[in-house]
């Protein structure tokens, strides 16, 4: 097991998960999960340093997953970056009310994603 900060990447698109892993692998341990339900199950026993959460997913969308995450002991103060192709104001507003730390649009630039993750963790004191 590495001493790198752990990033829980939640996206139902395998290509997006691979891109996240490639963008962050040099400085972070990326834990990829392909559904909101799997993310919640992971969070029941583990606390990563940050969650990258897609909005549009088949089983449980990112807003619903975030809402549930915020009620969990491990998730109340967990830094979250929404990572999505959706750029509507309602999604941004809903996410903000649930305490996200940042919002990154897909397709993302790997260096910019890395910089946003670095900054979010720095702001969280991690």
N, C-alpha and C. Protein backbone atom coordinates (compact mmCIF):
# COMPACT_ATOMS: atom_id res chain seq x y z
N UNK A 1 0.84 -1.19 0.00
CA UNK A 1 0.00 0.00 0.00
C UNK A 1 0.88 1.25 0.00
N UNK A 2 0.48 2.24 -0.78
CA UNK A 2 1.32 3.42 -0.92
C UNK A 2 0.97 4.47 0.14
N UNK A 3 1.89 5.42 0.31
CA UNK A 3 1.65 6.53 1.23
C UNK A 3 1.11 7.75 0.50
N UNK A 4 0.81 7.59 -0.78
CA UNK A 4 0.25 8.68 -1.56
C UNK A 4 -1.18 8.97 -1.09
N UNK A 5 -1.62 10.22 -1.20
CA UNK A 5 -3.03 10.52 -0.91
C UNK A 5 -3.94 9.69 -1.81
N UNK A 6 -5.08 9.25 -1.25
CA UNK A 6 -6.00 8.40 -2.01
C UNK A 6 -7.15 9.22 -2.58
N UNK A 7 -7.39 9.02 -3.87
CA UNK A 7 -8.47 9.70 -4.57
C UNK A 7 -9.49 8.64 -5.00
N UNK A 8 -10.72 8.77 -4.54
CA UNK A 8 -11.79 7.89 -4.98
C UNK A 8 -12.40 8.51 -6.23
N UNK A 9 -12.22 7.85 -7.38
CA UNK A 9 -12.74 8.34 -8.66
C UNK A 9 -14.01 7.57 -8.99
N UNK A 10 -15.13 8.28 -9.10
CA UNK A 10 -16.44 7.66 -9.32
C UNK A 10 -16.98 8.10 -10.67
N UNK A 11 -17.03 7.15 -11.62
CA UNK A 11 -17.51 7.45 -12.96
C UNK A 11 -17.94 6.14 -13.61
N UNK A 12 -19.07 6.13 -14.29
CA UNK A 12 -19.51 4.89 -14.92
C UNK A 12 -18.93 4.70 -16.32
N UNK A 13 -18.02 5.59 -16.71
CA UNK A 13 -17.36 5.49 -18.01
C UNK A 13 -15.91 5.03 -17.79
N UNK A 14 -15.58 3.85 -18.31
CA UNK A 14 -14.25 3.27 -18.11
C UNK A 14 -13.15 4.15 -18.71
N UNK A 15 -13.44 4.80 -19.82
CA UNK A 15 -12.44 5.67 -20.46
C UNK A 15 -12.13 6.86 -19.55
N UNK A 16 -13.16 7.43 -18.94
CA UNK A 16 -12.96 8.55 -18.01
C UNK A 16 -12.14 8.12 -16.80
N UNK A 17 -12.45 6.94 -16.25
CA UNK A 17 -11.69 6.44 -15.10
C UNK A 17 -10.21 6.25 -15.46
N UNK A 18 -9.95 5.74 -16.65
CA UNK A 18 -8.56 5.54 -17.10
C UNK A 18 -7.86 6.89 -17.25
N UNK A 19 -8.55 7.88 -17.82
CA UNK A 19 -7.97 9.21 -17.99
C UNK A 19 -7.67 9.86 -16.64
N UNK A 20 -8.55 9.69 -15.67
CA UNK A 20 -8.32 10.21 -14.32
C UNK A 20 -7.09 9.55 -13.71
N UNK A 21 -7.02 8.22 -13.83
CA UNK A 21 -5.89 7.47 -13.29
C UNK A 21 -4.58 7.96 -13.91
N UNK A 22 -4.57 8.11 -15.23
CA UNK A 22 -3.35 8.56 -15.91
C UNK A 22 -2.96 9.98 -15.50
N UNK A 23 -3.95 10.85 -15.30
CA UNK A 23 -3.67 12.23 -14.92
C UNK A 23 -3.11 12.34 -13.50
N UNK A 24 -3.53 11.45 -12.61
CA UNK A 24 -3.19 11.59 -11.19
C UNK A 24 -2.20 10.57 -10.66
N UNK A 25 -1.87 9.54 -11.42
CA UNK A 25 -1.09 8.42 -10.90
C UNK A 25 0.30 8.80 -10.39
N UNK A 26 0.88 9.88 -10.88
CA UNK A 26 2.22 10.24 -10.42
C UNK A 26 2.24 10.70 -8.97
N UNK A 27 1.15 11.33 -8.51
CA UNK A 27 1.16 11.84 -7.15
C UNK A 27 0.12 11.26 -6.22
N UNK A 28 -0.78 10.44 -6.79
CA UNK A 28 -1.90 9.94 -6.00
C UNK A 28 -2.18 8.47 -6.25
N UNK A 29 -2.79 7.84 -5.26
CA UNK A 29 -3.33 6.49 -5.45
C UNK A 29 -4.79 6.66 -5.84
N UNK A 30 -5.14 6.25 -7.04
CA UNK A 30 -6.50 6.40 -7.54
C UNK A 30 -7.26 5.10 -7.33
N UNK A 31 -8.41 5.21 -6.66
CA UNK A 31 -9.29 4.06 -6.45
C UNK A 31 -10.49 4.27 -7.38
N UNK A 32 -10.54 3.53 -8.50
CA UNK A 32 -11.65 3.73 -9.44
C UNK A 32 -12.86 2.87 -9.08
N UNK A 33 -14.04 3.48 -9.08
CA UNK A 33 -15.29 2.73 -8.93
C UNK A 33 -16.25 3.23 -10.00
N UNK A 34 -17.09 2.32 -10.50
CA UNK A 34 -17.91 2.66 -11.66
C UNK A 34 -19.38 2.92 -11.34
N UNK A 35 -19.69 3.20 -10.07
CA UNK A 35 -21.09 3.54 -9.74
C UNK A 35 -21.15 4.26 -8.40
N UNK A 36 -22.24 5.01 -8.22
CA UNK A 36 -22.46 5.69 -6.95
C UNK A 36 -22.63 4.70 -5.81
N UNK A 37 -23.32 3.59 -6.07
CA UNK A 37 -23.50 2.57 -5.03
C UNK A 37 -22.17 1.99 -4.57
N UNK A 38 -21.27 1.72 -5.52
CA UNK A 38 -19.95 1.20 -5.14
C UNK A 38 -19.15 2.23 -4.35
N UNK A 39 -19.30 3.49 -4.70
CA UNK A 39 -18.62 4.54 -3.95
C UNK A 39 -19.10 4.57 -2.51
N UNK A 40 -20.41 4.50 -2.32
CA UNK A 40 -20.98 4.51 -0.97
C UNK A 40 -20.50 3.29 -0.17
N UNK A 41 -20.49 2.12 -0.81
CA UNK A 41 -19.99 0.91 -0.13
C UNK A 41 -18.53 1.07 0.28
N UNK A 42 -17.72 1.64 -0.60
CA UNK A 42 -16.30 1.87 -0.28
C UNK A 42 -16.19 2.82 0.92
N UNK A 43 -16.99 3.88 0.91
CA UNK A 43 -16.92 4.89 1.97
C UNK A 43 -17.43 4.39 3.31
N UNK A 44 -18.14 3.28 3.33
CA UNK A 44 -18.60 2.71 4.59
C UNK A 44 -17.43 2.20 5.43
N UNK A 45 -16.34 1.84 4.76
CA UNK A 45 -15.20 1.29 5.51
C UNK A 45 -13.90 2.05 5.30
N UNK A 46 -13.84 2.92 4.32
CA UNK A 46 -12.61 3.65 4.00
C UNK A 46 -12.89 5.14 3.91
N UNK A 47 -11.84 5.94 4.15
CA UNK A 47 -11.96 7.38 3.96
C UNK A 47 -10.80 7.85 3.09
N UNK A 48 -11.09 8.08 1.80
CA UNK A 48 -10.04 8.61 0.93
C UNK A 48 -9.76 10.07 1.28
N UNK A 49 -8.75 10.64 0.64
CA UNK A 49 -8.42 12.04 0.90
C UNK A 49 -9.30 13.00 0.09
N UNK A 50 -9.86 12.48 -1.02
CA UNK A 50 -10.68 13.31 -1.89
C UNK A 50 -11.53 12.40 -2.77
N UNK A 51 -12.69 12.90 -3.20
CA UNK A 51 -13.56 12.16 -4.12
C UNK A 51 -13.73 12.99 -5.39
N UNK A 52 -13.48 12.35 -6.53
CA UNK A 52 -13.83 12.91 -7.84
C UNK A 52 -15.12 12.23 -8.24
N UNK A 53 -16.17 12.99 -8.46
CA UNK A 53 -17.50 12.40 -8.63
C UNK A 53 -18.18 12.89 -9.90
N UNK A 54 -18.50 11.96 -10.79
CA UNK A 54 -19.22 12.28 -12.02
C UNK A 54 -20.69 12.56 -11.69
N UNK A 55 -21.32 13.47 -12.43
CA UNK A 55 -22.72 13.77 -12.18
C UNK A 55 -23.64 12.75 -12.85
N UNK A 56 -23.42 12.50 -14.13
CA UNK A 56 -24.33 11.62 -14.87
C UNK A 56 -23.85 10.17 -14.81
N UNK A 57 -24.56 9.37 -14.03
CA UNK A 57 -24.27 7.94 -13.94
C UNK A 57 -25.59 7.19 -14.00
N UNK A 58 -25.52 5.95 -14.45
CA UNK A 58 -26.73 5.17 -14.71
C UNK A 58 -27.52 4.82 -13.45
N UNK A 59 -26.88 4.22 -12.46
CA UNK A 59 -27.64 3.71 -11.30
C UNK A 59 -28.03 4.79 -10.30
N UNK A 60 -27.09 5.59 -9.92
CA UNK A 60 -27.30 6.64 -8.93
C UNK A 60 -26.47 7.82 -9.39
N UNK A 61 -27.11 8.95 -9.68
CA UNK A 61 -26.34 10.07 -10.21
C UNK A 61 -25.44 10.69 -9.14
N UNK A 62 -24.57 11.58 -9.58
CA UNK A 62 -23.59 12.18 -8.68
C UNK A 62 -24.19 13.01 -7.57
N UNK A 63 -25.28 13.71 -7.87
CA UNK A 63 -25.95 14.54 -6.85
C UNK A 63 -26.51 13.63 -5.76
N UNK A 64 -27.19 12.57 -6.16
CA UNK A 64 -27.76 11.61 -5.21
C UNK A 64 -26.64 10.95 -4.38
N UNK A 65 -25.56 10.59 -5.05
CA UNK A 65 -24.41 9.98 -4.36
C UNK A 65 -23.81 10.96 -3.37
N UNK A 66 -23.65 12.21 -3.79
CA UNK A 66 -23.09 13.25 -2.92
C UNK A 66 -23.99 13.49 -1.72
N UNK A 67 -25.29 13.53 -1.95
CA UNK A 67 -26.25 13.73 -0.85
C UNK A 67 -26.10 12.62 0.19
N UNK A 68 -25.99 11.37 -0.27
CA UNK A 68 -25.82 10.24 0.64
C UNK A 68 -24.46 10.29 1.33
N UNK A 69 -23.43 10.62 0.57
CA UNK A 69 -22.07 10.72 1.12
C UNK A 69 -22.03 11.71 2.28
N UNK A 70 -22.71 12.84 2.13
CA UNK A 70 -22.68 13.89 3.16
C UNK A 70 -23.38 13.46 4.46
N UNK A 71 -24.20 12.43 4.43
CA UNK A 71 -24.85 11.95 5.65
C UNK A 71 -24.01 10.90 6.37
N UNK A 72 -22.93 10.45 5.74
CA UNK A 72 -22.10 9.39 6.32
C UNK A 72 -21.02 9.98 7.22
N UNK A 73 -20.64 9.20 8.23
CA UNK A 73 -19.59 9.63 9.15
C UNK A 73 -18.30 9.95 8.40
N UNK A 74 -17.93 9.11 7.43
CA UNK A 74 -16.71 9.33 6.65
C UNK A 74 -16.83 10.42 5.61
N UNK A 75 -18.04 10.91 5.34
CA UNK A 75 -18.22 11.81 4.22
C UNK A 75 -18.61 13.23 4.52
N UNK A 76 -18.85 13.54 5.79
CA UNK A 76 -19.32 14.87 6.14
C UNK A 76 -18.38 15.98 5.70
N UNK A 77 -17.07 15.78 5.92
CA UNK A 77 -16.09 16.82 5.62
C UNK A 77 -15.13 16.42 4.50
N UNK A 78 -15.48 15.42 3.75
CA UNK A 78 -14.63 14.90 2.69
C UNK A 78 -14.60 15.87 1.50
N UNK A 79 -13.39 16.26 1.04
CA UNK A 79 -13.32 17.12 -0.14
C UNK A 79 -13.86 16.40 -1.37
N UNK A 80 -14.71 17.09 -2.14
CA UNK A 80 -15.33 16.51 -3.32
C UNK A 80 -15.19 17.47 -4.49
N UNK A 81 -14.74 16.92 -5.62
CA UNK A 81 -14.71 17.66 -6.88
C UNK A 81 -15.69 16.96 -7.82
N UNK A 82 -16.67 17.70 -8.31
CA UNK A 82 -17.59 17.16 -9.31
C UNK A 82 -16.86 17.22 -10.65
N UNK A 83 -16.90 16.12 -11.36
CA UNK A 83 -16.22 16.00 -12.65
C UNK A 83 -17.27 15.56 -13.66
N UNK A 84 -17.64 16.46 -14.58
CA UNK A 84 -18.79 16.16 -15.42
C UNK A 84 -18.79 16.92 -16.72
N UNK A 85 -19.56 16.43 -17.65
CA UNK A 85 -19.74 17.12 -18.92
C UNK A 85 -20.94 18.07 -18.84
N UNK A 86 -21.68 18.03 -17.73
CA UNK A 86 -22.83 18.91 -17.54
C UNK A 86 -22.38 20.28 -17.06
N UNK A 87 -22.87 21.31 -17.70
CA UNK A 87 -22.50 22.66 -17.30
C UNK A 87 -23.73 23.52 -17.06
N UNK A 88 -24.80 22.92 -16.54
CA UNK A 88 -25.98 23.72 -16.28
C UNK A 88 -25.94 24.27 -14.86
N UNK A 89 -26.52 25.45 -14.70
CA UNK A 89 -26.45 26.17 -13.43
C UNK A 89 -27.12 25.41 -12.29
N UNK A 90 -28.19 24.66 -12.59
CA UNK A 90 -28.90 23.91 -11.56
C UNK A 90 -27.99 22.85 -10.93
N UNK A 91 -27.23 22.15 -11.76
CA UNK A 91 -26.31 21.12 -11.26
C UNK A 91 -25.23 21.76 -10.39
N UNK A 92 -24.69 22.87 -10.85
CA UNK A 92 -23.66 23.58 -10.07
C UNK A 92 -24.24 24.03 -8.74
N UNK A 93 -25.44 24.58 -8.76
CA UNK A 93 -26.09 25.06 -7.54
C UNK A 93 -26.37 23.91 -6.56
N UNK A 94 -26.94 22.81 -7.06
CA UNK A 94 -27.21 21.65 -6.21
C UNK A 94 -25.92 21.12 -5.58
N UNK A 95 -24.88 21.00 -6.40
CA UNK A 95 -23.59 20.50 -5.91
C UNK A 95 -23.01 21.43 -4.86
N UNK A 96 -23.10 22.73 -5.11
CA UNK A 96 -22.55 23.71 -4.17
C UNK A 96 -23.26 23.66 -2.83
N UNK A 97 -24.58 23.50 -2.85
CA UNK A 97 -25.35 23.41 -1.61
C UNK A 97 -24.95 22.20 -0.78
N UNK A 98 -24.45 21.16 -1.46
CA UNK A 98 -24.02 19.95 -0.76
C UNK A 98 -22.54 19.99 -0.40
N UNK A 99 -21.92 21.13 -0.61
CA UNK A 99 -20.56 21.32 -0.11
C UNK A 99 -19.44 20.78 -0.97
N UNK A 100 -19.55 20.95 -2.30
CA UNK A 100 -18.42 20.53 -3.13
C UNK A 100 -17.30 21.55 -3.01
N UNK A 101 -16.10 21.11 -3.31
CA UNK A 101 -14.94 21.99 -3.25
C UNK A 101 -14.58 22.58 -4.61
N UNK A 102 -14.95 21.88 -5.67
CA UNK A 102 -14.62 22.36 -7.00
C UNK A 102 -15.51 21.64 -8.02
N UNK A 103 -15.47 22.12 -9.26
CA UNK A 103 -16.30 21.62 -10.33
C UNK A 103 -15.46 21.64 -11.59
N UNK A 104 -15.16 20.49 -12.17
CA UNK A 104 -14.31 20.39 -13.35
C UNK A 104 -15.13 19.81 -14.51
N UNK A 105 -15.06 20.48 -15.65
CA UNK A 105 -15.80 20.02 -16.83
C UNK A 105 -14.99 19.03 -17.65
N UNK A 106 -15.70 18.03 -18.20
CA UNK A 106 -15.11 17.09 -19.14
C UNK A 106 -15.36 17.61 -20.55
N UNK A 107 -14.51 17.31 -21.49
CA UNK A 107 -13.23 16.63 -21.29
C UNK A 107 -12.26 17.56 -20.56
N UNK A 108 -11.48 16.99 -19.67
CA UNK A 108 -10.57 17.80 -18.86
C UNK A 108 -9.14 17.69 -19.39
N UNK A 109 -8.37 18.72 -19.12
CA UNK A 109 -6.95 18.71 -19.39
C UNK A 109 -6.27 18.06 -18.18
N UNK A 110 -5.44 17.07 -18.41
CA UNK A 110 -4.81 16.31 -17.31
C UNK A 110 -4.05 17.20 -16.34
N UNK A 111 -3.30 18.16 -16.86
CA UNK A 111 -2.52 19.04 -15.99
C UNK A 111 -3.43 19.94 -15.15
N UNK A 112 -4.52 20.39 -15.75
CA UNK A 112 -5.46 21.24 -15.00
C UNK A 112 -6.18 20.43 -13.92
N UNK A 113 -6.55 19.18 -14.24
CA UNK A 113 -7.19 18.34 -13.23
C UNK A 113 -6.24 18.11 -12.06
N UNK A 114 -4.99 17.79 -12.37
CA UNK A 114 -3.99 17.57 -11.33
C UNK A 114 -3.83 18.82 -10.46
N UNK A 115 -3.78 19.99 -11.10
CA UNK A 115 -3.63 21.25 -10.35
C UNK A 115 -4.84 21.49 -9.46
N UNK A 116 -6.05 21.20 -9.93
CA UNK A 116 -7.26 21.41 -9.13
C UNK A 116 -7.30 20.46 -7.95
N UNK A 117 -6.89 19.19 -8.16
CA UNK A 117 -6.84 18.21 -7.07
C UNK A 117 -5.80 18.66 -6.04
N UNK A 118 -4.61 19.05 -6.51
CA UNK A 118 -3.56 19.55 -5.60
C UNK A 118 -4.08 20.70 -4.75
N UNK A 119 -4.74 21.68 -5.40
CA UNK A 119 -5.24 22.87 -4.70
C UNK A 119 -6.34 22.53 -3.71
N UNK A 120 -7.24 21.64 -4.09
CA UNK A 120 -8.34 21.25 -3.20
C UNK A 120 -7.79 20.57 -1.95
N UNK A 121 -6.81 19.67 -2.13
CA UNK A 121 -6.22 18.99 -0.98
C UNK A 121 -5.43 19.98 -0.10
N UNK A 122 -4.75 20.92 -0.74
CA UNK A 122 -4.02 21.93 0.03
C UNK A 122 -5.00 22.77 0.85
N UNK A 123 -6.10 23.17 0.22
CA UNK A 123 -7.13 23.97 0.93
C UNK A 123 -7.75 23.19 2.09
N UNK A 124 -7.82 21.86 1.95
CA UNK A 124 -8.39 21.00 2.99
C UNK A 124 -7.36 20.66 4.07
N UNK A 125 -6.14 21.12 3.90
CA UNK A 125 -5.10 20.85 4.89
C UNK A 125 -4.54 19.44 4.82
N UNK A 126 -4.58 18.83 3.63
CA UNK A 126 -4.09 17.46 3.46
C UNK A 126 -2.82 17.43 2.66
